[in-house]
Amino acid sequence: MREDKNTENGENVENLPRRFWTIAVARLAYQQEQYDFALKVVASLIRKARGAPRARLTKLKKEIRAARKTAQTLARNKRIISRLEELLTRVQAVRLERASLVSETSNMQNREDRT
């Protein structure tokens, strides 16, 4: 119950002493997308566990790793998309500048032709 109060107050589960590390803390960290801390807790618990609890912890560890990898991929994709959008904006600005230069040049040639 203490973990719930900590998270309700906006406190970080990473501040809990090791003696309070349980599978519930690992799951809470996982839900809060604190994957590295969740893996740290699970690894600590796996060392102590035997039998069925160890199997559950191993399964949770695989889930956390998969979620962390997905989050990293999404973050990388967002960075790539952002960079591409910046490049597109630059290209559009250069095209506008070139178009205005071309129109200015053609206007100057038209004026010269008239005289």
C-alpha atoms as a PDB file:
ATOM      1  CA  MET A   1       0.000   0.000   0.000  1.00  0.00           C
ATOM      2  CA  ARG A   2       2.897   2.319   0.676  1.00  0.00           C
ATOM      3  CA  GLU A   3       3.986   2.222  -2.992  1.00  0.00           C
ATOM      4  CA  ASP A   4       0.525   3.444  -4.022  1.00  0.00           C
ATOM      5  CA  LYS A   5       0.727   6.412  -1.648  1.00  0.00           C
ATOM      6  CA  ASN A   6       4.161   7.301  -2.955  1.00  0.00           C
ATOM      7  CA  THR A   7       3.021   7.341  -6.549  1.00  0.00           C
ATOM      8  CA  GLU A   8      -0.177   9.238  -5.736  1.00  0.00           C
ATOM      9  CA  ASN A   9       1.936  12.012  -4.251  1.00  0.00           C
ATOM     10  CA  GLY A  10       4.064  12.062  -7.374  1.00  0.00           C
ATOM     11  CA  GLU A  11       7.060  10.479  -5.659  1.00  0.00           C
ATOM     12  CA  ASN A  12       9.309   8.186  -7.605  1.00  0.00           C
ATOM     13  CA  VAL A  13       9.353   4.453  -6.813  1.00  0.00           C
ATOM     14  CA  GLU A  14      13.109   4.528  -7.428  1.00  0.00           C
ATOM     15  CA  ASN A  15      13.474   6.209  -4.027  1.00  0.00           C
ATOM     16  CA  LEU A  16      12.303   3.074  -2.208  1.00  0.00           C
ATOM     17  CA  PRO A  17      14.973   1.237  -0.212  1.00  0.00           C
ATOM     18  CA  ARG A  18      15.914  -2.219  -1.533  1.00  0.00           C
ATOM     19  CA  ARG A  19      14.172  -3.981   1.339  1.00  0.00           C
ATOM     20  CA  PHE A  20      10.835  -2.768  -0.092  1.00  0.00           C
ATOM     21  CA  TRP A  21      11.545  -4.027  -3.604  1.00  0.00           C
ATOM     22  CA  THR A  22       8.800  -6.470  -4.532  1.00  0.00           C
ATOM     23  CA  ILE A  23       7.216  -7.719  -7.723  1.00  0.00           C
ATOM     24  CA  ALA A  24       4.521  -5.057  -7.171  1.00  0.00           C
ATOM     25  CA  VAL A  25       7.193  -2.339  -7.202  1.00  0.00           C
ATOM     26  CA  ALA A  26       8.654  -3.812 -10.386  1.00  0.00           C
ATOM     27  CA  ARG A  27       5.225  -3.844 -12.043  1.00  0.00           C
ATOM     28  CA  LEU A  28       4.547  -0.275 -10.913  1.00  0.00           C
ATOM     29  CA  ALA A  29       7.859   0.919 -12.327  1.00  0.00           C
ATOM     30  CA  TYR A  30       7.036  -0.951 -15.543  1.00  0.00           C
ATOM     31  CA  GLN A  31       3.631   0.761 -15.751  1.00  0.00           C
ATOM     32  CA  GLN A  32       5.308   4.129 -15.194  1.00  0.00           C
ATOM     33  CA  GLU A  33       7.688   3.321 -18.065  1.00  0.00           C
ATOM     34  CA  GLN A  34      10.718   3.267 -15.752  1.00  0.00           C
ATOM     35  CA  TYR A  35      12.053   0.226 -17.558  1.00  0.00           C
ATOM     36  CA  ASP A  36      15.645   0.286 -16.335  1.00  0.00           C
ATOM     37  CA  PHE A  37      14.590   0.485 -12.697  1.00  0.00           C
ATOM     38  CA  ALA A  38      11.969  -2.231 -13.193  1.00  0.00           C
ATOM     39  CA  LEU A  39      14.614  -4.512 -14.712  1.00  0.00           C
ATOM     40  CA  LYS A  40      16.928  -3.753 -11.806  1.00  0.00           C
ATOM     41  CA  VAL A  41      14.228  -4.754  -9.299  1.00  0.00           C
ATOM     42  CA  VAL A  42      13.331  -7.903 -11.229  1.00  0.00           C
ATOM     43  CA  ALA A  43      16.989  -8.944 -11.499  1.00  0.00           C
ATOM     44  CA  SER A  44      17.366  -8.500  -7.752  1.00  0.00           C
ATOM     45  CA  LEU A  45      14.243 -10.563  -7.092  1.00  0.00           C
ATOM     46  CA  ILE A  46      15.234 -13.305  -9.559  1.00  0.00           C
ATOM     47  CA  ARG A  47      18.479 -13.879  -7.644  1.00  0.00           C
ATOM     48  CA  LYS A  48      16.459 -14.668  -4.506  1.00  0.00           C
ATOM     49  CA  ALA A  49      13.519 -16.535  -6.071  1.00  0.00           C
ATOM     50  CA  ARG A  50      13.077 -20.249  -6.769  1.00  0.00           C
ATOM     51  CA  GLY A  51      10.462 -22.228  -8.676  1.00  0.00           C
ATOM     52  CA  ALA A  52       7.196 -20.652  -9.827  1.00  0.00           C
ATOM     53  CA  PRO A  53       7.972 -17.131  -8.550  1.00  0.00           C
ATOM     54  CA  ARG A  54      11.220 -17.200 -10.521  1.00  0.00           C
ATOM     55  CA  ALA A  55       9.336 -18.189 -13.683  1.00  0.00           C
ATOM     56  CA  ARG A  56       6.873 -15.302 -13.194  1.00  0.00           C
ATOM     57  CA  LEU A  57       9.751 -12.896 -12.674  1.00  0.00           C
ATOM     58  CA  THR A  58      11.525 -14.172 -15.777  1.00  0.00           C
ATOM     59  CA  LYS A  59       8.346 -13.668 -17.800  1.00  0.00           C
ATOM     60  CA  LEU A  60       7.977 -10.133 -16.398  1.00  0.00           C
ATOM     61  CA  LYS A  61      11.615  -9.431 -17.275  1.00  0.00           C
ATOM     62  CA  LYS A  62      10.958 -10.430 -20.904  1.00  0.00           C
ATOM     63  CA  GLU A  63       7.866  -8.193 -21.018  1.00  0.00           C
ATOM     64  CA  ILE A  64       9.797  -5.233 -19.614  1.00  0.00           C
ATOM     65  CA  ARG A  65      12.653  -5.719 -22.079  1.00  0.00           C
ATOM     66  CA  ALA A  66      10.221  -5.870 -24.994  1.00  0.00           C
ATOM     67  CA  ALA A  67       8.428  -2.726 -23.778  1.00  0.00           C
ATOM     68  CA  ARG A  68      11.752  -0.907 -23.331  1.00  0.00           C
ATOM     69  CA  LYS A  69      12.844  -1.874 -26.838  1.00  0.00           C
ATOM     70  CA  THR A  70       9.510  -0.678 -28.258  1.00  0.00           C
ATOM     71  CA  ALA A  71       9.814   2.627 -26.384  1.00  0.00           C
ATOM     72  CA  GLN A  72      13.368   3.100 -27.656  1.00  0.00           C
ATOM     73  CA  THR A  73      12.272   2.374 -31.225  1.00  0.00           C
ATOM     74  CA  LEU A  74       9.397   4.843 -30.958  1.00  0.00           C
ATOM     75  CA  ALA A  75      11.703   7.517 -29.541  1.00  0.00           C
ATOM     76  CA  ARG A  76      14.215   6.922 -32.336  1.00  0.00           C
ATOM     77  CA  ASN A  77      11.466   7.094 -34.961  1.00  0.00           C
ATOM     78  CA  LYS A  78      10.178  10.365 -33.476  1.00  0.00           C
ATOM     79  CA  ARG A  79      13.689  11.851 -33.659  1.00  0.00           C
ATOM     80  CA  ILE A  80      14.022  10.739 -37.284  1.00  0.00           C
ATOM     81  CA  ILE A  81      10.614  12.172 -38.202  1.00  0.00           C
ATOM     82  CA  SER A  82      11.459  15.446 -36.480  1.00  0.00           C
ATOM     83  CA  ARG A  83      14.754  15.675 -38.361  1.00  0.00           C
ATOM     84  CA  LEU A  84      13.031  14.916 -41.680  1.00  0.00           C
ATOM     85  CA  GLU A  85      10.449  17.620 -40.990  1.00  0.00           C
ATOM     86  CA  GLU A  86      13.267  20.110 -40.326  1.00  0.00           C
ATOM     87  CA  LEU A  87      14.949  19.147 -43.586  1.00  0.00           C
ATOM     88  CA  LEU A  88      11.674  19.431 -45.490  1.00  0.00           C
ATOM     89  CA  THR A  89      11.126  22.915 -44.071  1.00  0.00           C
ATOM     90  CA  ARG A  90      14.628  23.930 -45.191  1.00  0.00           C
ATOM     91  CA  VAL A  91      14.079  22.505 -48.677  1.00  0.00           C
ATOM     92  CA  GLN A  92      10.787  24.370 -49.004  1.00  0.00           C
ATOM     93  CA  ALA A  93      12.465  27.610 -47.910  1.00  0.00           C
ATOM     94  CA  VAL A  94      15.246  27.141 -50.461  1.00  0.00           C
ATOM     95  CA  ARG A  95      12.714  26.407 -53.214  1.00  0.00           C
ATOM     96  CA  LEU A  96      10.759  29.554 -52.358  1.00  0.00           C
ATOM     97  CA  GLU A  97      13.943  31.587 -52.386  1.00  0.00           C
ATOM     98  CA  ARG A  98      14.979  30.153 -55.748  1.00  0.00           C
ATOM     99  CA  ALA A  99      11.513  30.757 -57.181  1.00  0.00           C
ATOM    100  CA  SER A 100      11.600  34.377 -56.071  1.00  0.00           C
ATOM    101  CA  LEU A 101      15.082  34.816 -57.575  1.00  0.00           C
ATOM    102  CA  VAL A 102      13.920  33.292 -60.862  1.00  0.00           C
ATOM    103  CA  SER A 103      10.891  35.572 -60.972  1.00  0.00           C
ATOM    104  CA  GLU A 104      13.051  38.615 -60.191  1.00  0.00           C
ATOM    105  CA  THR A 105      15.470  37.644 -62.946  1.00  0.00           C
ATOM    106  CA  SER A 106      12.678  37.153 -65.461  1.00  0.00           C
ATOM    107  CA  ASN A 107      11.143  40.503 -64.452  1.00  0.00           C
ATOM    108  CA  MET A 108      14.479  42.210 -65.016  1.00  0.00           C
ATOM    109  CA  GLN A 109      14.838  40.567 -68.433  1.00  0.00           C
ATOM    110  CA  ASN A 110      11.317  41.644 -69.391  1.00  0.00           C
ATOM    111  CA  ARG A 111      12.142  45.231 -68.457  1.00  0.00           C
ATOM    112  CA  GLU A 112      15.336  45.121 -70.503  1.00  0.00           C
ATOM    113  CA  ASP A 113      13.457  43.670 -73.474  1.00  0.00           C
ATOM    114  CA  ARG A 114      10.947  46.526 -73.380  1.00  0.00           C
ATOM    115  CA  THR A 115      13.645  49.142 -73.621  1.00  0.00           C
END
